[in-house]
Amino acid sequence: MLDIEKFYIINQQFMNMAGHYDRNGKPCSLVRELDRTIIVDKSPLEILADSIRCIGFDLKGAIATAKWILGDISMCPIMVNPIHNICVFATKSAKHEDAMWFNPEYIVRTNGFYLKTKVTLRNGLIITVPCRLTSFNTKLQNADQLKKITGELGSNPLSFVLHPRREQLLKSQKRSRKKIKK
């Protein structure tokens, strides 16, 4: 029998989670860690929000930051804990109750299976995801990029130099030429 918990914070053992309904029809989550599986009495989005809130941030800000780093992509991954480098991505829009959330750290291999994807996790578990292989691999790659960039920004901050637009440069050059002619 699975353990039922009222509260859960995503940690370094987290592999994936999916929306689930209990016998009364209440939304909850099936959470898999490396060595155990539990049912949490909250939806996946509530678990994400609580986990991010525990380190002093919020879900909306984490999504906005991911979009700022990766560009305005749809269904962007979310950095849950930059201190422990925990990033997750969803197989569907986060608003769907049946979206599955994965930690790319524990994905060993992905294979196409008709129009679905078979995901092999580090503990040997194989999960079939209702998502095309190319779509799943793109989401996996985006999550890996977010982890890499966020880790790099945290350990080695960069200086950004904004280059003015070419049109503005041309206008300013024309103005300076007019001043010289006078």
Protein backbone atom coordinates (compact mmCIF):
# COMPACT_ATOMS: atom_id res chain seq x y z
CA MET A 1 0.00 0.00 0.00
CA LEU A 2 1.20 3.49 -0.82
CA ASP A 3 1.91 6.08 1.85
CA ILE A 4 -0.41 9.09 1.83
CA GLU A 5 1.10 12.38 2.91
CA LYS A 6 -0.55 15.76 3.38
CA PHE A 7 2.54 17.80 2.50
CA TYR A 8 5.52 17.23 0.21
CA ILE A 9 8.54 19.30 -0.77
CA ILE A 10 10.44 18.35 -3.93
CA ASN A 11 13.91 17.15 -2.94
CA GLN A 12 16.97 15.65 -4.62
CA GLN A 13 15.39 12.16 -4.65
CA PHE A 14 12.37 13.35 -6.68
CA MET A 15 12.04 11.58 -10.06
CA ASN A 16 8.55 12.40 -11.32
CA MET A 17 4.95 13.08 -10.35
CA ALA A 18 1.57 12.92 -12.01
CA GLY A 19 -1.92 14.14 -11.24
CA HIS A 20 -4.10 11.50 -9.61
CA TYR A 21 -7.59 11.31 -8.11
CA ASP A 22 -8.34 9.60 -4.83
CA ARG A 23 -11.42 7.41 -4.35
CA ASN A 24 -13.53 10.47 -3.49
CA GLY A 25 -12.55 12.29 -6.70
CA LYS A 26 -10.26 14.78 -4.97
CA PRO A 27 -7.16 15.78 -6.97
CA CYS A 28 -3.89 14.56 -5.49
CA SER A 29 -0.47 13.56 -6.83
CA LEU A 30 1.41 10.32 -7.33
CA VAL A 31 5.03 11.17 -6.50
CA ARG A 32 7.95 8.86 -7.28
CA GLU A 33 11.27 9.23 -5.56
CA LEU A 34 14.32 7.09 -6.22
CA ASP A 35 13.41 4.53 -3.55
CA ARG A 36 9.70 5.06 -2.79
CA THR A 37 6.34 6.04 -4.24
CA ILE A 38 3.84 8.14 -2.28
CA ILE A 39 0.48 9.80 -2.78
CA VAL A 40 0.35 13.46 -1.74
CA ASP A 41 -2.93 15.11 -0.84
CA LYS A 42 -2.19 18.08 -3.14
CA SER A 43 -2.18 18.70 -6.89
CA PRO A 44 1.16 18.79 -8.75
CA LEU A 45 0.95 22.59 -9.11
CA GLU A 46 0.38 22.97 -5.37
CA ILE A 47 3.43 20.78 -4.69
CA LEU A 48 5.52 22.90 -7.09
CA ALA A 49 4.29 26.15 -5.53
CA ASP A 50 5.01 24.91 -1.98
CA SER A 51 8.47 23.63 -2.94
CA ILE A 52 9.43 26.92 -4.57
CA ARG A 53 7.90 28.98 -1.75
CA CYS A 54 10.07 27.10 0.79
CA ILE A 55 13.22 28.65 -0.67
CA GLY A 56 11.74 32.16 -0.78
CA PHE A 57 10.40 32.39 -4.33
CA ASP A 58 7.06 31.82 -6.02
CA LEU A 59 5.82 29.71 -8.93
CA LYS A 60 4.90 32.69 -11.09
CA GLY A 61 8.37 34.19 -10.66
CA ALA A 62 10.05 30.84 -11.43
CA ILE A 63 8.08 30.57 -14.68
CA ALA A 64 8.88 34.17 -15.62
CA THR A 65 12.59 33.61 -14.92
CA ALA A 66 12.67 30.43 -17.01
CA LYS A 67 11.03 32.27 -19.92
CA TRP A 68 13.51 35.13 -19.54
CA ILE A 69 16.47 32.72 -19.64
CA LEU A 70 15.25 30.36 -22.39
CA GLY A 71 13.18 32.79 -24.44
CA ASP A 72 9.42 32.90 -24.66
CA ILE A 73 8.82 29.18 -25.21
CA SER A 74 5.63 27.34 -24.43
CA MET A 75 5.57 24.89 -21.53
CA CYS A 76 8.96 25.98 -20.24
CA PRO A 77 10.69 23.98 -17.50
CA ILE A 78 10.72 25.29 -13.94
CA MET A 79 13.72 25.62 -11.67
CA VAL A 80 12.31 24.37 -8.37
CA ASN A 81 15.46 24.73 -6.28
CA PRO A 82 18.52 26.46 -7.77
CA ILE A 83 20.57 25.65 -4.66
CA HIS A 84 20.22 21.89 -5.22
CA ASN A 85 19.92 22.32 -9.01
CA ILE A 86 16.45 20.71 -9.17
CA CYS A 87 14.56 21.43 -12.37
CA VAL A 88 11.29 19.89 -13.59
CA PHE A 89 9.34 19.92 -16.84
CA ALA A 90 5.80 18.90 -17.74
CA THR A 91 4.67 16.63 -20.55
CA LYS A 92 1.54 18.74 -21.10
CA SER A 93 0.42 22.19 -20.11
CA ALA A 94 0.66 22.66 -16.35
CA LYS A 95 -3.07 23.38 -16.27
CA HIS A 96 -3.93 19.79 -17.25
CA GLU A 97 -4.56 17.53 -14.26
CA ASP A 98 -2.98 14.58 -16.07
CA ALA A 99 0.31 16.35 -16.85
CA MET A 100 3.37 14.39 -15.75
CA TRP A 101 6.34 16.25 -14.25
CA PHE A 102 9.85 14.86 -14.63
CA ASN A 103 13.23 15.64 -13.11
CA PRO A 104 15.69 15.33 -16.06
CA GLU A 105 18.42 14.21 -13.65
CA TYR A 106 16.82 10.76 -13.38
CA ILE A 107 15.99 10.15 -17.05
CA VAL A 108 18.37 7.59 -18.53
CA ARG A 109 16.84 6.94 -21.95
CA THR A 110 13.85 7.81 -24.12
CA ASN A 111 12.43 5.63 -26.89
CA GLY A 112 9.61 6.14 -29.35
CA PHE A 113 6.70 3.73 -29.03
CA TYR A 114 4.14 4.37 -31.78
CA LEU A 115 3.01 7.96 -31.03
CA LYS A 116 4.13 7.77 -27.40
CA THR A 117 7.43 7.90 -25.53
CA LYS A 118 8.88 5.27 -23.24
CA VAL A 119 10.97 6.91 -20.53
CA THR A 120 13.51 4.81 -18.64
CA LEU A 121 14.35 6.21 -15.21
CA ARG A 122 17.53 5.67 -13.22
CA ASN A 123 15.94 3.08 -10.92
CA GLY A 124 14.91 0.93 -13.92
CA LEU A 125 11.26 2.01 -13.99
CA ILE A 126 9.84 2.47 -17.50
CA ILE A 127 6.96 4.93 -17.93
CA THR A 128 4.96 5.35 -21.13
CA VAL A 129 4.13 9.01 -21.72
CA PRO A 130 1.36 10.08 -24.13
CA CYS A 131 3.68 12.46 -25.97
CA ARG A 132 5.70 12.14 -29.17
CA LEU A 133 9.39 11.35 -28.78
CA THR A 134 10.56 14.57 -30.47
CA SER A 135 8.31 16.71 -28.28
CA PHE A 136 9.45 14.96 -25.10
CA ASN A 137 13.13 15.21 -26.04
CA THR A 138 12.75 18.95 -26.79
CA LYS A 139 11.26 19.50 -23.33
CA LEU A 140 14.04 17.40 -21.79
CA GLN A 141 16.70 19.42 -23.63
CA ASN A 142 15.09 22.73 -22.54
CA ALA A 143 15.16 21.55 -18.92
CA ASP A 144 18.83 20.56 -19.21
CA GLN A 145 19.64 23.98 -20.72
CA LEU A 146 17.81 25.78 -17.91
CA LYS A 147 19.73 23.75 -15.30
CA LYS A 148 23.05 24.46 -17.01
CA ILE A 149 22.45 28.19 -17.52
CA THR A 150 21.05 28.72 -14.01
CA GLY A 151 23.96 26.84 -12.48
CA GLU A 152 26.43 28.86 -14.53
CA LEU A 153 24.77 32.18 -13.63
CA GLY A 154 24.84 31.24 -9.94
CA SER A 155 28.49 30.23 -9.85
CA ASN A 156 29.91 32.61 -12.45
CA PRO A 157 27.76 35.73 -12.95
CA LEU A 158 28.02 37.35 -16.34
CA SER A 159 27.99 40.98 -17.37
CA PHE A 160 25.47 41.78 -20.04
CA VAL A 161 26.19 44.50 -22.58
CA LEU A 162 23.17 45.78 -24.42
CA HIS A 163 23.91 46.79 -27.98
CA PRO A 164 21.80 49.64 -29.35
CA ARG A 165 19.80 48.91 -32.45
CA ARG A 166 21.41 49.55 -35.81
CA GLU A 167 18.72 52.10 -36.73
CA GLN A 168 19.52 54.17 -33.67
CA LEU A 169 23.23 54.06 -34.52
CA LEU A 170 22.56 55.29 -38.05
CA LYS A 171 20.39 58.16 -36.79
CA SER A 172 23.00 59.22 -34.27
CA GLN A 173 25.72 59.08 -36.96
CA LYS A 174 23.61 61.30 -39.26
CA ARG A 175 23.11 63.81 -36.44
CA SER A 176 26.83 63.95 -35.71
CA ARG A 177 27.61 64.52 -39.43
CA LYS A 178 25.14 67.42 -39.54
CA LYS A 179 26.82 69.00 -36.52
CA ILE A 180 30.24 68.67 -38.16
CA LYS A 181 29.06 70.34 -41.41
CA LYS A 182 27.73 73.42 -39.57
